[in-house]
Amino acid sequence: MKTKKMKKTGKTEVAGTICSDKDCPVHGNLKSRGQIFRGKVIKKFHKRIVIEFERMIYIRKYERYTKSKTKIHARLPTCMEKQVNVGDLVEVKECRPLSKIIHFVFVKKIKSGEEKK
């Protein structure tokens, strides 16, 4: 993927689109740190995706494990919106709180999936 830095505007061009998103981990000032999760994209909105993944939770009373699904809302930078579709396996990383529900940012696409019909 080729990137070009524009001289006067300070914006970055990625594969024909200009990225001026300040909350982009690649082109903006957003620092990502902390936990990394991999999950399947179940919903896609403008500048946001919802991923879901399963995890095992130990129940002390019954001394058994149970499966639980977790949903996470993540920021999707405008320069990467065309890469991600519903059903894809993606990786998100923790960042500072961007809104009431968004505390993660999209990092990379791992595998393509089938889109829901």
C-alpha atoms as a PDB file:
ATOM      1  CA  MET A   1       0.000   0.000   0.000  1.00  0.00           C
ATOM      2  CA  LYS A   2       1.546   3.295  -1.083  1.00  0.00           C
ATOM      3  CA  THR A   3       1.276   6.424   1.027  1.00  0.00           C
ATOM      4  CA  LYS A   4       2.121   9.982   0.045  1.00  0.00           C
ATOM      5  CA  LYS A   5       2.430  12.944   2.386  1.00  0.00           C
ATOM      6  CA  MET A   6       0.774  16.088   1.013  1.00  0.00           C
ATOM      7  CA  LYS A   7       2.954  19.200   1.485  1.00  0.00           C
ATOM      8  CA  LYS A   8       0.734  22.042   2.721  1.00  0.00           C
ATOM      9  CA  THR A   9      -2.324  20.248   4.105  1.00  0.00           C
ATOM     10  CA  GLY A  10      -0.580  17.643   6.299  1.00  0.00           C
ATOM     11  CA  LYS A  11      -2.957  14.968   5.004  1.00  0.00           C
ATOM     12  CA  THR A  12      -1.827  11.524   3.865  1.00  0.00           C
ATOM     13  CA  GLU A  13      -2.940   9.877   0.640  1.00  0.00           C
ATOM     14  CA  VAL A  14      -3.543   6.097   0.739  1.00  0.00           C
ATOM     15  CA  ALA A  15      -4.195   4.260  -2.544  1.00  0.00           C
ATOM     16  CA  GLY A  16      -6.020   7.218  -4.111  1.00  0.00           C
ATOM     17  CA  THR A  17      -7.932   8.357  -0.995  1.00  0.00           C
ATOM     18  CA  ILE A  18      -6.766  11.147   1.290  1.00  0.00           C
ATOM     19  CA  CYS A  19      -6.712  10.376   5.022  1.00  0.00           C
ATOM     20  CA  SER A  20      -7.181  13.382   7.291  1.00  0.00           C
ATOM     21  CA  ASP A  21      -8.576  11.327  10.180  1.00  0.00           C
ATOM     22  CA  LYS A  22      -7.025  12.422  13.487  1.00  0.00           C
ATOM     23  CA  ASP A  23      -8.177   9.151  15.126  1.00  0.00           C
ATOM     24  CA  CYS A  24      -6.360   6.911  12.628  1.00  0.00           C
ATOM     25  CA  PRO A  25      -3.633   4.747  14.236  1.00  0.00           C
ATOM     26  CA  VAL A  26      -1.533   4.861  11.033  1.00  0.00           C
ATOM     27  CA  HIS A  27      -1.925   8.487   9.848  1.00  0.00           C
ATOM     28  CA  GLY A  28      -3.295  10.319  12.888  1.00  0.00           C
ATOM     29  CA  ASN A  29      -2.231  10.906  16.480  1.00  0.00           C
ATOM     30  CA  LEU A  30      -4.065   7.944  18.032  1.00  0.00           C
ATOM     31  CA  LYS A  31      -1.820   5.804  20.227  1.00  0.00           C
ATOM     32  CA  SER A  32      -2.931   2.197  20.653  1.00  0.00           C
ATOM     33  CA  ARG A  33      -1.814   0.211  23.695  1.00  0.00           C
ATOM     34  CA  GLY A  34      -3.024  -2.596  25.908  1.00  0.00           C
ATOM     35  CA  GLN A  35      -5.136  -5.580  24.963  1.00  0.00           C
ATOM     36  CA  ILE A  36      -5.450  -7.046  21.461  1.00  0.00           C
ATOM     37  CA  PHE A  37      -8.543  -8.993  20.413  1.00  0.00           C
ATOM     38  CA  ARG A  38      -9.369 -10.977  17.290  1.00  0.00           C
ATOM     39  CA  GLY A  39     -12.987 -11.362  16.300  1.00  0.00           C
ATOM     40  CA  LYS A  40     -15.537 -11.555  13.533  1.00  0.00           C
ATOM     41  CA  VAL A  41     -17.173  -8.374  12.227  1.00  0.00           C
ATOM     42  CA  ILE A  42     -20.931  -8.652  12.830  1.00  0.00           C
ATOM     43  CA  LYS A  43     -21.940  -5.044  12.053  1.00  0.00           C
ATOM     44  CA  LYS A  44     -20.370  -2.223  10.099  1.00  0.00           C
ATOM     45  CA  PHE A  45     -21.218   1.458  10.439  1.00  0.00           C
ATOM     46  CA  HIS A  46     -19.617   4.676   9.232  1.00  0.00           C
ATOM     47  CA  LYS A  47     -16.305   4.953  11.171  1.00  0.00           C
ATOM     48  CA  ARG A  48     -17.227   2.024  13.469  1.00  0.00           C
ATOM     49  CA  ILE A  49     -17.377  -1.779  13.460  1.00  0.00           C
ATOM     50  CA  VAL A  50     -18.745  -4.269  15.972  1.00  0.00           C
ATOM     51  CA  ILE A  51     -16.752  -7.449  16.489  1.00  0.00           C
ATOM     52  CA  GLU A  52     -17.779 -10.559  18.404  1.00  0.00           C
ATOM     53  CA  PHE A  53     -15.615 -13.328  19.850  1.00  0.00           C
ATOM     54  CA  GLU A  54     -16.073 -16.280  22.201  1.00  0.00           C
ATOM     55  CA  ARG A  55     -14.245 -16.809  25.465  1.00  0.00           C
ATOM     56  CA  MET A  56     -14.324 -19.392  28.239  1.00  0.00           C
ATOM     57  CA  ILE A  57     -15.447 -18.275  31.716  1.00  0.00           C
ATOM     58  CA  TYR A  58     -14.842 -20.412  34.791  1.00  0.00           C
ATOM     59  CA  ILE A  59     -17.819 -20.814  37.156  1.00  0.00           C
ATOM     60  CA  ARG A  60     -16.452 -21.545  40.641  1.00  0.00           C
ATOM     61  CA  LYS A  61     -19.679 -22.887  42.093  1.00  0.00           C
ATOM     62  CA  TYR A  62     -20.013 -25.662  39.511  1.00  0.00           C
ATOM     63  CA  GLU A  63     -16.266 -26.057  38.842  1.00  0.00           C
ATOM     64  CA  ARG A  64     -16.943 -25.896  35.110  1.00  0.00           C
ATOM     65  CA  TYR A  65     -16.333 -23.595  32.161  1.00  0.00           C
ATOM     66  CA  THR A  66     -18.969 -21.928  30.044  1.00  0.00           C
ATOM     67  CA  LYS A  67     -18.712 -20.231  26.668  1.00  0.00           C
ATOM     68  CA  SER A  68     -19.548 -16.549  26.541  1.00  0.00           C
ATOM     69  CA  LYS A  69     -19.719 -14.163  23.592  1.00  0.00           C
ATOM     70  CA  THR A  70     -18.335 -10.651  23.889  1.00  0.00           C
ATOM     71  CA  LYS A  71     -19.119  -7.725  21.599  1.00  0.00           C
ATOM     72  CA  ILE A  72     -16.680  -4.849  21.169  1.00  0.00           C
ATOM     73  CA  HIS A  73     -17.165  -1.592  19.269  1.00  0.00           C
ATOM     74  CA  ALA A  74     -14.042  -0.404  17.465  1.00  0.00           C
ATOM     75  CA  ARG A  75     -13.115   2.720  15.528  1.00  0.00           C
ATOM     76  CA  LEU A  76     -12.714   2.112  11.779  1.00  0.00           C
ATOM     77  CA  PRO A  77     -10.536   4.817  10.150  1.00  0.00           C
ATOM     78  CA  THR A  78     -11.901   6.298   6.922  1.00  0.00           C
ATOM     79  CA  CYS A  79      -8.824   5.200   4.948  1.00  0.00           C
ATOM     80  CA  MET A  80      -9.516   1.532   5.830  1.00  0.00           C
ATOM     81  CA  GLU A  81     -13.317   1.409   5.412  1.00  0.00           C
ATOM     82  CA  LYS A  82     -13.185  -0.320   2.018  1.00  0.00           C
ATOM     83  CA  GLN A  83     -10.966  -3.152   3.328  1.00  0.00           C
ATOM     84  CA  VAL A  84     -13.417  -4.424   5.965  1.00  0.00           C
ATOM     85  CA  ASN A  85     -16.760  -6.161   5.374  1.00  0.00           C
ATOM     86  CA  VAL A  86     -19.233  -8.039   7.557  1.00  0.00           C
ATOM     87  CA  GLY A  87     -17.969 -11.554   8.291  1.00  0.00           C
ATOM     88  CA  ASP A  88     -14.237 -10.732   8.158  1.00  0.00           C
ATOM     89  CA  LEU A  89     -11.827 -11.817  10.892  1.00  0.00           C
ATOM     90  CA  VAL A  90     -10.086  -8.678  12.190  1.00  0.00           C
ATOM     91  CA  GLU A  91      -7.722  -7.564  14.932  1.00  0.00           C
ATOM     92  CA  VAL A  92      -8.494  -4.616  17.211  1.00  0.00           C
ATOM     93  CA  LYS A  93      -6.286  -2.958  19.801  1.00  0.00           C
ATOM     94  CA  GLU A  94      -7.111  -0.940  22.896  1.00  0.00           C
ATOM     95  CA  CYS A  95      -6.751   2.842  22.825  1.00  0.00           C
ATOM     96  CA  ARG A  96      -7.960   5.822  24.824  1.00  0.00           C
ATOM     97  CA  PRO A  97     -11.756   6.222  25.057  1.00  0.00           C
ATOM     98  CA  LEU A  98     -12.985   7.782  21.808  1.00  0.00           C
ATOM     99  CA  SER A  99     -16.657   7.890  22.792  1.00  0.00           C
ATOM    100  CA  LYS A 100     -19.065   6.334  25.279  1.00  0.00           C
ATOM    101  CA  ILE A 101     -18.783   2.859  23.717  1.00  0.00           C
ATOM    102  CA  ILE A 102     -15.637   2.970  21.553  1.00  0.00           C
ATOM    103  CA  HIS A 103     -12.384   2.081  23.361  1.00  0.00           C
ATOM    104  CA  PHE A 104     -10.703   0.051  20.622  1.00  0.00           C
ATOM    105  CA  VAL A 105      -9.320   0.764  17.148  1.00  0.00           C
ATOM    106  CA  PHE A 106      -9.112  -1.439  14.047  1.00  0.00           C
ATOM    107  CA  VAL A 107      -5.524  -2.593  13.407  1.00  0.00           C
ATOM    108  CA  LYS A 108      -5.587  -5.147  10.588  1.00  0.00           C
ATOM    109  CA  LYS A 109      -7.705  -7.595   8.637  1.00  0.00           C
ATOM    110  CA  ILE A 110      -6.680 -11.217   9.211  1.00  0.00           C
ATOM    111  CA  LYS A 111      -9.020 -13.171   6.962  1.00  0.00           C
ATOM    112  CA  SER A 112     -11.919 -12.446   4.601  1.00  0.00           C
ATOM    113  CA  GLY A 113     -15.302 -13.930   5.374  1.00  0.00           C
ATOM    114  CA  GLU A 114     -18.697 -14.322   3.780  1.00  0.00           C
ATOM    115  CA  GLU A 115     -21.067 -11.376   3.999  1.00  0.00           C
ATOM    116  CA  LYS A 116     -24.503 -11.913   5.553  1.00  0.00           C
ATOM    117  CA  LYS A 117     -27.453 -11.782   3.154  1.00  0.00           C
END
